[in-house]
Amino acid sequence: MLQTVKLALRITTDAFDSELNRLIAECIEEMTGLGITIETEEDTPTSDQVKGAIVAYCKWQFGSNDEKDAWRGIFDRKLAQLQSMTGYGLNGGA
């Protein structure tokens, strides 16, 4: 997941890996706390929907940019979508 986030943020150095890993973990914790089911393979989410939410979260939280509000809105919309989708919501949508 780290490489996916770094690519989305256009980061080529390893200097920010610790911070990015923390943001990824923070985002996953927030999503699971909201009851979103996150399936992983080798500690990487398997769903493109979940990956998109993590990327949006990291774009919102990382560094300083003029589009923070837009990325927060995108993250919030992705959360709402995941919560309403079968298989992602509370108890796997059951």
C-alpha atoms as a PDB file:
ATOM      1  CA  MET A   1       0.000   0.000   0.000  1.00  0.00           C
ATOM      2  CA  LEU A   2       2.905   2.332   0.722  1.00  0.00           C
ATOM      3  CA  GLN A   3       4.063   2.235  -2.910  1.00  0.00           C
ATOM      4  CA  THR A   4       0.536   3.000  -4.139  1.00  0.00           C
ATOM      5  CA  VAL A   5       0.321   6.044  -1.853  1.00  0.00           C
ATOM      6  CA  LYS A   6       3.797   7.247  -2.800  1.00  0.00           C
ATOM      7  CA  LEU A   7       2.924   7.005  -6.487  1.00  0.00           C
ATOM      8  CA  ALA A   8      -0.322   8.943  -5.947  1.00  0.00           C
ATOM      9  CA  LEU A   9       1.569  11.640  -4.051  1.00  0.00           C
ATOM     10  CA  ARG A  10       4.368  11.672  -6.653  1.00  0.00           C
ATOM     11  CA  ILE A  11       6.957  10.845  -3.992  1.00  0.00           C
ATOM     12  CA  THR A  12      10.139   9.078  -5.087  1.00  0.00           C
ATOM     13  CA  THR A  13      12.159   9.263  -1.875  1.00  0.00           C
ATOM     14  CA  ASP A  14      11.936   6.987   1.152  1.00  0.00           C
ATOM     15  CA  ALA A  15      12.298   9.966   3.502  1.00  0.00           C
ATOM     16  CA  PHE A  16       8.549  10.109   4.217  1.00  0.00           C
ATOM     17  CA  ASP A  17       7.873   6.358   4.499  1.00  0.00           C
ATOM     18  CA  SER A  18       7.403   6.444   8.259  1.00  0.00           C
ATOM     19  CA  GLU A  19       4.871   9.267   8.093  1.00  0.00           C
ATOM     20  CA  LEU A  20       3.026   7.704   5.165  1.00  0.00           C
ATOM     21  CA  ASN A  21       2.852   4.315   6.893  1.00  0.00           C
ATOM     22  CA  ARG A  22       1.407   6.054   9.946  1.00  0.00           C
ATOM     23  CA  LEU A  23      -1.226   7.791   7.808  1.00  0.00           C
ATOM     24  CA  ILE A  24      -2.139   4.515   6.090  1.00  0.00           C
ATOM     25  CA  ALA A  25      -2.530   2.770   9.456  1.00  0.00           C
ATOM     26  CA  GLU A  26      -4.531   5.717  10.822  1.00  0.00           C
ATOM     27  CA  CYS A  27      -6.891   5.607   7.849  1.00  0.00           C
ATOM     28  CA  ILE A  28      -7.410   1.838   8.130  1.00  0.00           C
ATOM     29  CA  GLU A  29      -8.073   2.222  11.849  1.00  0.00           C
ATOM     30  CA  GLU A  30     -10.647   4.943  11.162  1.00  0.00           C
ATOM     31  CA  MET A  31     -12.397   2.844   8.522  1.00  0.00           C
ATOM     32  CA  THR A  32     -12.523  -0.297  10.646  1.00  0.00           C
ATOM     33  CA  GLY A  33     -13.722   1.814  13.580  1.00  0.00           C
ATOM     34  CA  LEU A  34     -16.651   2.849  11.397  1.00  0.00           C
ATOM     35  CA  GLY A  35     -17.441  -0.798  10.697  1.00  0.00           C
ATOM     36  CA  ILE A  36     -15.944  -1.009   7.212  1.00  0.00           C
ATOM     37  CA  THR A  37     -14.630  -4.473   6.432  1.00  0.00           C
ATOM     38  CA  ILE A  38     -11.125  -4.403   4.973  1.00  0.00           C
ATOM     39  CA  GLU A  39      -9.851  -7.629   3.465  1.00  0.00           C
ATOM     40  CA  THR A  40      -6.088  -7.803   3.023  1.00  0.00           C
ATOM     41  CA  GLU A  41      -3.517  -9.975   1.365  1.00  0.00           C
ATOM     42  CA  GLU A  42      -0.006  -9.712   2.789  1.00  0.00           C
ATOM     43  CA  ASP A  43      -1.117  -6.643   4.778  1.00  0.00           C
ATOM     44  CA  THR A  44      -2.354  -4.838   1.646  1.00  0.00           C
ATOM     45  CA  PRO A  45      -6.045  -4.127   1.064  1.00  0.00           C
ATOM     46  CA  THR A  46      -7.372  -6.167  -1.838  1.00  0.00           C
ATOM     47  CA  SER A  47     -10.204  -3.793  -2.761  1.00  0.00           C
ATOM     48  CA  ASP A  48      -9.633  -0.923  -5.169  1.00  0.00           C
ATOM     49  CA  GLN A  49     -12.414   0.953  -3.332  1.00  0.00           C
ATOM     50  CA  VAL A  50     -10.502   0.727  -0.049  1.00  0.00           C
ATOM     51  CA  LYS A  51      -7.209   1.624  -1.725  1.00  0.00           C
ATOM     52  CA  GLY A  52      -8.861   4.709  -3.226  1.00  0.00           C
ATOM     53  CA  ALA A  53     -10.098   5.789   0.191  1.00  0.00           C
ATOM     54  CA  ILE A  54      -6.621   5.374   1.673  1.00  0.00           C
ATOM     55  CA  VAL A  55      -5.049   7.399  -1.138  1.00  0.00           C
ATOM     56  CA  ALA A  56      -7.640  10.170  -0.681  1.00  0.00           C
ATOM     57  CA  TYR A  57      -6.986  10.192   3.078  1.00  0.00           C
ATOM     58  CA  CYS A  58      -3.232  10.469   2.558  1.00  0.00           C
ATOM     59  CA  LYS A  59      -3.625  13.234  -0.040  1.00  0.00           C
ATOM     60  CA  TRP A  60      -5.796  15.084   2.473  1.00  0.00           C
ATOM     61  CA  GLN A  61      -3.477  14.594   5.454  1.00  0.00           C
ATOM     62  CA  PHE A  62       0.029  14.674   3.946  1.00  0.00           C
ATOM     63  CA  GLY A  63       2.005  17.869   3.626  1.00  0.00           C
ATOM     64  CA  SER A  64       0.473  21.161   2.675  1.00  0.00           C
ATOM     65  CA  ASN A  65      -1.490  21.725  -0.485  1.00  0.00           C
ATOM     66  CA  ASP A  66      -4.262  23.923  -1.767  1.00  0.00           C
ATOM     67  CA  GLU A  67      -6.608  20.977  -2.321  1.00  0.00           C
ATOM     68  CA  LYS A  68      -6.881  19.647   1.251  1.00  0.00           C
ATOM     69  CA  ASP A  69     -10.594  20.442   1.506  1.00  0.00           C
ATOM     70  CA  ALA A  70     -11.295  18.725  -1.806  1.00  0.00           C
ATOM     71  CA  TRP A  71      -9.428  15.573  -0.745  1.00  0.00           C
ATOM     72  CA  ARG A  72     -11.240  15.518   2.584  1.00  0.00           C
ATOM     73  CA  GLY A  73     -14.541  15.636   0.709  1.00  0.00           C
ATOM     74  CA  ILE A  74     -13.420  12.819  -1.577  1.00  0.00           C
ATOM     75  CA  PHE A  75     -12.392  10.723   1.422  1.00  0.00           C
ATOM     76  CA  ASP A  76     -15.722  11.367   3.170  1.00  0.00           C
ATOM     77  CA  ARG A  77     -17.649  10.350   0.029  1.00  0.00           C
ATOM     78  CA  LYS A  78     -15.580   7.180  -0.327  1.00  0.00           C
ATOM     79  CA  LEU A  79     -16.303   6.300   3.314  1.00  0.00           C
ATOM     80  CA  ALA A  80     -20.018   6.761   2.751  1.00  0.00           C
ATOM     81  CA  GLN A  81     -19.868   4.604  -0.377  1.00  0.00           C
ATOM     82  CA  LEU A  82     -17.967   1.842   1.399  1.00  0.00           C
ATOM     83  CA  GLN A  83     -20.385   1.862   4.324  1.00  0.00           C
ATOM     84  CA  SER A  84     -23.339   1.423   1.989  1.00  0.00           C
ATOM     85  CA  MET A  85     -21.826  -1.215  -0.302  1.00  0.00           C
ATOM     86  CA  THR A  86     -22.558  -4.897   0.259  1.00  0.00           C
ATOM     87  CA  GLY A  87     -19.461  -6.583   1.596  1.00  0.00           C
ATOM     88  CA  TYR A  88     -17.881  -3.471   3.089  1.00  0.00           C
ATOM     89  CA  GLY A  89     -20.429  -2.242   5.628  1.00  0.00           C
ATOM     90  CA  LEU A  90     -21.003  -3.381   9.165  1.00  0.00           C
ATOM     91  CA  ASN A  91     -20.246  -7.074   9.577  1.00  0.00           C
ATOM     92  CA  GLY A  92     -19.346  -7.429   5.917  1.00  0.00           C
ATOM     93  CA  GLY A  93     -22.693  -6.097   4.764  1.00  0.00           C
ATOM     94  CA  ALA A  94     -24.628  -8.845   6.524  1.00  0.00           C
END
